[in-house]
C-alpha atoms as a PDB file:
ATOM      1  CA  MET A   1      -0.066   0.045   0.142  1.00  0.00           C
ATOM      2  CA  TRP A   2       1.204   3.274  -0.779  1.00  0.00           C
ATOM      3  CA  TYR A   3       1.109   6.436   1.711  1.00  0.00           C
ATOM      4  CA  SER A   4       1.997   9.961   1.391  1.00  0.00           C
ATOM      5  CA  VAL A   5       3.996  11.338   4.200  1.00  0.00           C
ATOM      6  CA  GLU A   6       3.980  15.041   4.979  1.00  0.00           C
ATOM      7  CA  THR A   7       7.020  16.505   7.265  1.00  0.00           C
ATOM      8  CA  LEU A   8       8.692  19.505   8.659  1.00  0.00           C
ATOM      9  CA  PHE A   9      12.362  19.838   8.939  1.00  0.00           C
ATOM     10  CA  ARG A  10      13.980  22.926  10.844  1.00  0.00           C
ATOM     11  CA  CYS A  11      17.413  24.470   9.427  1.00  0.00           C
ATOM     12  CA  ASP A  12      19.732  25.337  11.882  1.00  0.00           C
ATOM     13  CA  VAL A  13      22.680  27.737  10.391  1.00  0.00           C
ATOM     14  CA  GLN A  14      25.788  28.547  12.701  1.00  0.00           C
ATOM     15  CA  ASP A  15      25.942  32.106  14.136  1.00  0.00           C
ATOM     16  CA  GLU A  16      23.105  33.083  12.984  1.00  0.00           C
ATOM     17  CA  SER A  17      20.057  33.894  15.083  1.00  0.00           C
ATOM     18  CA  ASN A  18      17.501  35.977  12.414  1.00  0.00           C
ATOM     19  CA  ASP A  19      14.267  34.154  11.342  1.00  0.00           C
ATOM     20  CA  VAL A  20      14.130  30.273  11.397  1.00  0.00           C
ATOM     21  CA  LEU A  21      13.981  28.566   8.128  1.00  0.00           C
ATOM     22  CA  TYR A  22      11.562  25.384   7.926  1.00  0.00           C
ATOM     23  CA  ASP A  23      11.237  22.945   4.738  1.00  0.00           C
ATOM     24  CA  LYS A  24       7.619  21.253   4.656  1.00  0.00           C
ATOM     25  CA  ARG A  25       8.503  18.552   2.398  1.00  0.00           C
ATOM     26  CA  ILE A  26       5.742  15.544   0.972  1.00  0.00           C
ATOM     27  CA  PHE A  27       7.218  12.056  -0.026  1.00  0.00           C
ATOM     28  CA  LEU A  28       5.744   8.955  -1.124  1.00  0.00           C
ATOM     29  CA  ILE A  29       6.153   5.322   1.067  1.00  0.00           C
ATOM     30  CA  ASN A  30       5.131   1.530   0.478  1.00  0.00           C
ATOM     31  CA  VAL A  31       4.163  -0.732   3.242  1.00  0.00           C
ATOM     32  CA  GLU A  32       2.548  -4.403   3.044  1.00  0.00           C
ATOM     33  CA  GLY A  33       1.316  -3.511   6.431  1.00  0.00           C
ATOM     34  CA  ASN A  34      -0.817  -0.843   8.361  1.00  0.00           C
ATOM     35  CA  LYS A  35      -1.104   2.428   8.882  1.00  0.00           C
ATOM     36  CA  SER A  36       1.283   2.133  12.596  1.00  0.00           C
ATOM     37  CA  GLU A  37       3.825   0.387  10.404  1.00  0.00           C
ATOM     38  CA  ALA A  38       3.581   3.036   7.308  1.00  0.00           C
ATOM     39  CA  SER A  39       4.232   5.644  10.306  1.00  0.00           C
ATOM     40  CA  LYS A  40       7.763   3.678  11.357  1.00  0.00           C
ATOM     41  CA  LYS A  41       8.571   3.534   7.618  1.00  0.00           C
ATOM     42  CA  ALA A  42       7.715   7.043   7.305  1.00  0.00           C
ATOM     43  CA  LYS A  43       9.855   8.282  10.321  1.00  0.00           C
ATOM     44  CA  LYS A  44      13.271   6.002   9.229  1.00  0.00           C
ATOM     45  CA  ILE A  45      13.038   7.673   6.133  1.00  0.00           C
ATOM     46  CA  ALA A  46      12.781  11.395   7.249  1.00  0.00           C
ATOM     47  CA  LEU A  47      15.441  11.102   9.417  1.00  0.00           C
ATOM     48  CA  SER A  48      17.488   9.389   6.802  1.00  0.00           C
ATOM     49  CA  SER A  49      17.416  12.996   5.263  1.00  0.00           C
ATOM     50  CA  GLU A  50      18.893  14.845   7.613  1.00  0.00           C
ATOM     51  CA  ASN A  51      21.894  16.573   6.595  1.00  0.00           C
ATOM     52  CA  ALA A  52      24.349  18.635   7.576  1.00  0.00           C
ATOM     53  CA  TYR A  53      27.148  21.087   5.559  1.00  0.00           C
ATOM     54  CA  GLU A  54      28.828  24.060   5.233  1.00  0.00           C
ATOM     55  CA  ASN A  55      27.180  27.310   3.805  1.00  0.00           C
ATOM     56  CA  PHE A  56      29.483  29.800   1.322  1.00  0.00           C
ATOM     57  CA  GLU A  57      30.479  31.380   4.273  1.00  0.00           C
ATOM     58  CA  GLY A  58      31.514  28.758   6.128  1.00  0.00           C
ATOM     59  CA  GLY A  59      29.154  28.341   8.479  1.00  0.00           C
ATOM     60  CA  ASP A  60      27.749  24.825   9.759  1.00  0.00           C
ATOM     61  CA  VAL A  61      24.135  24.267   8.229  1.00  0.00           C
ATOM     62  CA  SER A  62      21.757  21.654   9.629  1.00  0.00           C
ATOM     63  CA  TRP A  63      18.647  20.106   8.616  1.00  0.00           C
ATOM     64  CA  HIS A  64      16.453  17.858  11.001  1.00  0.00           C
ATOM     65  CA  LEU A  65      13.534  16.411  11.281  1.00  0.00           C
ATOM     66  CA  ILE A  66      11.387  17.871  13.714  1.00  0.00           C
ATOM     67  CA  LYS A  67       8.109  16.111  13.052  1.00  0.00           C
ATOM     68  CA  VAL A  68       5.764  13.603  10.675  1.00  0.00           C
ATOM     69  CA  LEU A  69       2.788  15.866  10.350  1.00  0.00           C
ATOM     70  CA  GLU A  70       0.559  13.457   8.238  1.00  0.00           C
ATOM     71  CA  VAL A  71       0.521   9.919   6.897  1.00  0.00           C
ATOM     72  CA  GLN A  72      -2.214   8.995   4.203  1.00  0.00           C
ATOM     73  CA  ASN A  73      -2.786   6.058   2.640  1.00  0.00           C
ATOM     74  CA  LEU A  74      -3.078   6.811  -1.054  1.00  0.00           C
ATOM     75  CA  GLY A  75      -3.625   3.026  -2.996  1.00  0.00           C
ATOM     76  CA  GLU A  76      -1.591   3.812  -5.683  1.00  0.00           C
ATOM     77  CA  GLU A  77       0.570   0.451  -7.162  1.00  0.00           C
ATOM     78  CA  GLU A  78       3.086   1.907  -9.654  1.00  0.00           C
ATOM     79  CA  LEU A  79       5.049   4.213  -7.553  1.00  0.00           C
ATOM     80  CA  TYR A  80       8.314   4.112  -5.197  1.00  0.00           C
ATOM     81  CA  ASP A  81       9.928   5.065  -1.846  1.00  0.00           C
ATOM     82  CA  GLY A  82      11.100   8.434  -0.794  1.00  0.00           C
ATOM     83  CA  VAL A  83       9.433   9.848  -4.299  1.00  0.00           C
ATOM     84  CA  GLU A  84       8.909  13.805  -2.814  1.00  0.00           C
ATOM     85  CA  VAL A  85       6.105  14.550  -4.105  1.00  0.00           C
ATOM     86  CA  PHE A  86       6.034  18.517  -2.772  1.00  0.00           C
ATOM     87  CA  SER A  87       8.189  21.328  -0.786  1.00  0.00           C
ATOM     88  CA  ARG A  88       7.366  24.622   0.864  1.00  0.00           C
ATOM     89  CA  LEU A  89      10.335  26.757   2.739  1.00  0.00           C
ATOM     90  CA  MET A  90       8.945  28.894   5.423  1.00  0.00           C
ATOM     91  CA  TRP A  91       9.693  30.946   8.291  1.00  0.00           C
ATOM     92  CA  GLU A  92       9.507  30.271  11.659  1.00  0.00           C
ATOM     93  CA  GLY A  93       6.474  32.001  12.566  1.00  0.00           C
ATOM     94  CA  GLU A  94       4.248  30.137   9.741  1.00  0.00           C
ATOM     95  CA  ALA A  95       5.701  26.781  10.845  1.00  0.00           C
ATOM     96  CA  GLN A  96       4.599  27.258  14.628  1.00  0.00           C
ATOM     97  CA  LYS A  97       1.628  27.554  13.743  1.00  0.00           C
ATOM     98  CA  ILE A  98       1.160  24.524  11.739  1.00  0.00           C
ATOM     99  CA  LEU A  99       2.582  22.887  14.635  1.00  0.00           C
ATOM    100  CA  ASN A 100       0.358  24.533  16.758  1.00  0.00           C
ATOM    101  CA  SER A 101      -3.214  23.360  14.858  1.00  0.00           C
ATOM    102  CA  LYS A 102      -4.390  20.223  13.851  1.00  0.00           C
ATOM    103  CA  THR A 103      -5.683  21.626  10.536  1.00  0.00           C
ATOM    104  CA  VAL A 104      -4.019  24.617   8.182  1.00  0.00           C
ATOM    105  CA  SER A 105      -6.222  27.341   7.799  1.00  0.00           C
ATOM    106  CA  GLN A 106      -5.804  29.965   4.815  1.00  0.00           C
ATOM    107  CA  LYS A 107      -2.112  30.189   3.199  1.00  0.00           C
ATOM    108  CA  LYS A 108      -0.667  33.178   4.868  1.00  0.00           C
ATOM    109  CA  ASN A 109       1.951  35.526   3.254  1.00  0.00           C
ATOM    110  CA  ARG A 110       5.766  34.897   4.273  1.00  0.00           C
ATOM    111  CA  PRO A 111       7.709  37.639   5.107  1.00  0.00           C
ATOM    112  CA  LYS A 112       9.585  39.236   2.048  1.00  0.00           C
END
């Protein structure tokens, strides 16, 4: 059974205390079992997406999984694990709204 997985990642940059950048990602997984097993696999794959690197200014940048927001059964047959189907960067204020509510309301304009 195929599931879509919605996740939220946070970017931490060495020596920066400005707005924190978040990345909301959706990817697909294939699981023979139930939704509980899909949730376990989703978290494992999401954690494997965490990464770190050095930016152009020499600062350390790291992306960390904050939360698996949703695992949804798709019922599709011809897909493959880990295909990212959606990604959107957001600032901390918007990410906090998502984390603090069970439903996502109308999109807010991002700061420029």
